[in-house]
Amino acid sequence: MTSAPKEQAAIIRTERGLTIAGTRITLYDVMDYVTAQYPPKFIQGLFELTEQQINAALAYIETHRSEVEVEYQQVLKESEELRQYYEEQNRELITRIAAQPPKPGTEAAWEKLRATKAKRMSRA
């Protein structure tokens, strides 16, 4: 038996994209860390993957690098578009919330926070 069938069974395509079988972790999640050159053991621990799962994911990425990279770039583009959309949608709400006075009884905590922030900004 070759490693290709194992690799194929370990990486499946779902509605979320290429996913590590038995998890909700996509290869695009892993790609963020592969691209940033994190070591495989770190990625494995971060996502709580077995050695077999991380090895299958990295092997799939390496074997199908161009296809995975195209999909990864599309995921990054869509994520940025969503971030911008929701930032715009929530801008007014966030401004309104920020303008509200502190709730009764929290004034001292807010003053301490402001003082700490001012002190930190003066050091920078």
Protein backbone atom coordinates (compact mmCIF):
# COMPACT_ATOMS: atom_id res chain seq x y z
CA MET A 1 0.00 0.00 0.00
CA THR A 2 1.40 3.40 -0.92
CA SER A 3 1.21 6.58 1.13
CA ALA A 4 -1.05 8.32 -1.41
CA PRO A 5 -4.30 6.62 -0.29
CA LYS A 6 -3.48 7.37 3.37
CA GLU A 7 -2.74 10.97 2.43
CA GLN A 8 -5.99 11.21 0.49
CA ALA A 9 -8.00 9.81 3.40
CA ALA A 10 -6.28 12.15 5.86
CA ILE A 11 -7.12 15.29 3.85
CA ILE A 12 -10.71 15.69 2.71
CA ARG A 13 -12.61 18.39 0.89
CA THR A 14 -15.55 19.80 2.84
CA GLU A 15 -17.70 22.90 2.43
CA ARG A 16 -14.91 24.70 4.31
CA GLY A 17 -12.26 23.57 1.82
CA LEU A 18 -9.37 21.17 2.26
CA THR A 19 -9.68 19.85 5.81
CA ILE A 20 -7.72 17.46 8.01
CA ALA A 21 -10.00 14.43 8.39
CA GLY A 22 -11.65 14.14 11.79
CA THR A 23 -11.12 17.83 12.58
CA ARG A 24 -12.47 21.24 11.62
CA ILE A 25 -8.94 22.42 10.84
CA THR A 26 -8.39 23.44 7.25
CA LEU A 27 -5.11 23.31 5.40
CA TYR A 28 -5.45 27.08 5.11
CA ASP A 29 -5.25 27.32 8.92
CA VAL A 30 -2.04 25.28 8.76
CA MET A 31 -0.76 27.32 5.80
CA ASP A 32 -0.77 30.49 7.91
CA TYR A 33 1.91 28.92 10.09
CA VAL A 34 3.76 27.10 7.31
CA THR A 35 4.06 30.40 5.43
CA ALA A 36 5.37 32.09 8.59
CA GLN A 37 7.92 29.22 8.86
CA TYR A 38 6.79 27.86 12.22
CA PRO A 39 8.19 24.42 13.01
CA PRO A 40 5.90 21.42 12.41
CA LYS A 41 5.94 20.46 16.12
CA PHE A 42 4.66 23.93 17.04
CA ILE A 43 1.84 23.70 14.48
CA GLN A 44 1.01 20.19 15.68
CA GLY A 45 0.76 21.37 19.28
CA LEU A 46 -1.16 24.52 18.42
CA PHE A 47 -3.91 22.62 16.63
CA GLU A 48 -3.68 19.55 18.88
CA LEU A 49 -2.99 17.27 15.93
CA THR A 50 -1.52 13.81 16.01
CA GLU A 51 1.84 13.25 14.39
CA GLN A 52 0.07 11.37 11.59
CA GLN A 53 -2.33 14.30 11.00
CA ILE A 54 0.38 16.99 10.85
CA ASN A 55 2.57 14.80 8.64
CA ALA A 56 -0.35 14.16 6.27
CA ALA A 57 -1.20 17.86 6.14
CA LEU A 58 2.38 18.92 5.45
CA ALA A 59 2.84 16.16 2.87
CA TYR A 60 -0.37 17.18 1.10
CA ILE A 61 0.69 20.83 1.07
CA GLU A 62 4.11 19.92 -0.30
CA THR A 63 2.77 17.51 -2.94
CA HIS A 64 -0.01 19.84 -4.12
CA ARG A 65 1.75 23.13 -3.37
CA SER A 66 0.52 25.11 -6.39
CA GLU A 67 -3.14 24.10 -6.01
CA VAL A 68 -3.14 24.65 -2.24
CA GLU A 69 -1.40 28.01 -2.66
CA VAL A 70 -4.05 29.20 -5.16
CA GLU A 71 -6.86 28.22 -2.78
CA TYR A 72 -4.99 29.72 0.19
CA GLN A 73 -4.63 33.07 -1.59
CA GLN A 74 -8.36 33.00 -2.38
CA VAL A 75 -9.16 32.31 1.30
CA LEU A 76 -6.93 35.21 2.37
CA LYS A 77 -8.62 37.53 -0.14
CA GLU A 78 -12.11 36.53 1.01
CA SER A 79 -11.11 36.91 4.67
CA GLU A 80 -9.82 40.42 4.04
CA GLU A 81 -13.00 41.34 2.15
CA LEU A 82 -15.13 40.07 5.06
CA ARG A 83 -13.00 41.94 7.59
CA GLN A 84 -13.40 45.18 5.65
CA TYR A 85 -17.14 44.61 5.21
CA TYR A 86 -17.79 44.04 8.91
CA GLU A 87 -15.45 46.86 9.93
CA GLU A 88 -17.54 49.21 7.79
CA GLN A 89 -20.84 47.73 9.01
CA ASN A 90 -19.84 48.08 12.66
CA ARG A 91 -18.02 51.42 12.50
CA GLU A 92 -21.04 53.46 13.65
CA LEU A 93 -21.92 50.99 16.40
CA ILE A 94 -18.37 50.92 17.76
CA THR A 95 -18.21 54.72 17.72
CA ARG A 96 -21.52 54.92 19.57
CA ILE A 97 -20.42 52.38 22.19
CA ALA A 98 -17.07 54.13 22.70
CA ALA A 99 -18.86 57.46 23.28
CA GLN A 100 -21.02 56.08 26.10
CA PRO A 101 -20.07 57.10 29.63
CA PRO A 102 -18.75 54.40 31.96
CA LYS A 103 -21.34 52.40 33.85
CA PRO A 104 -21.94 53.53 37.43
CA GLY A 105 -19.40 52.06 39.80
CA THR A 106 -16.71 51.53 37.15
CA GLU A 107 -15.35 55.09 37.03
CA ALA A 108 -12.32 54.29 39.20
CA ALA A 109 -11.36 51.32 37.05
CA TRP A 110 -11.69 53.40 33.87
CA GLU A 111 -9.58 56.19 35.37
CA LYS A 112 -6.89 53.68 36.34
CA LEU A 113 -6.98 52.27 32.80
CA ARG A 114 -6.66 55.77 31.28
CA ALA A 115 -3.72 56.59 33.57
CA THR A 116 -1.95 53.34 32.69
CA LYS A 117 -2.54 53.94 28.99
CA ALA A 118 -1.23 57.52 29.22
CA LYS A 119 1.86 56.33 31.11
CA ARG A 120 2.51 53.66 28.47
CA MET A 121 2.05 56.16 25.63
CA SER A 122 4.49 58.62 27.24
CA ARG A 123 7.19 55.92 27.24
CA ALA A 124 6.73 55.18 23.54
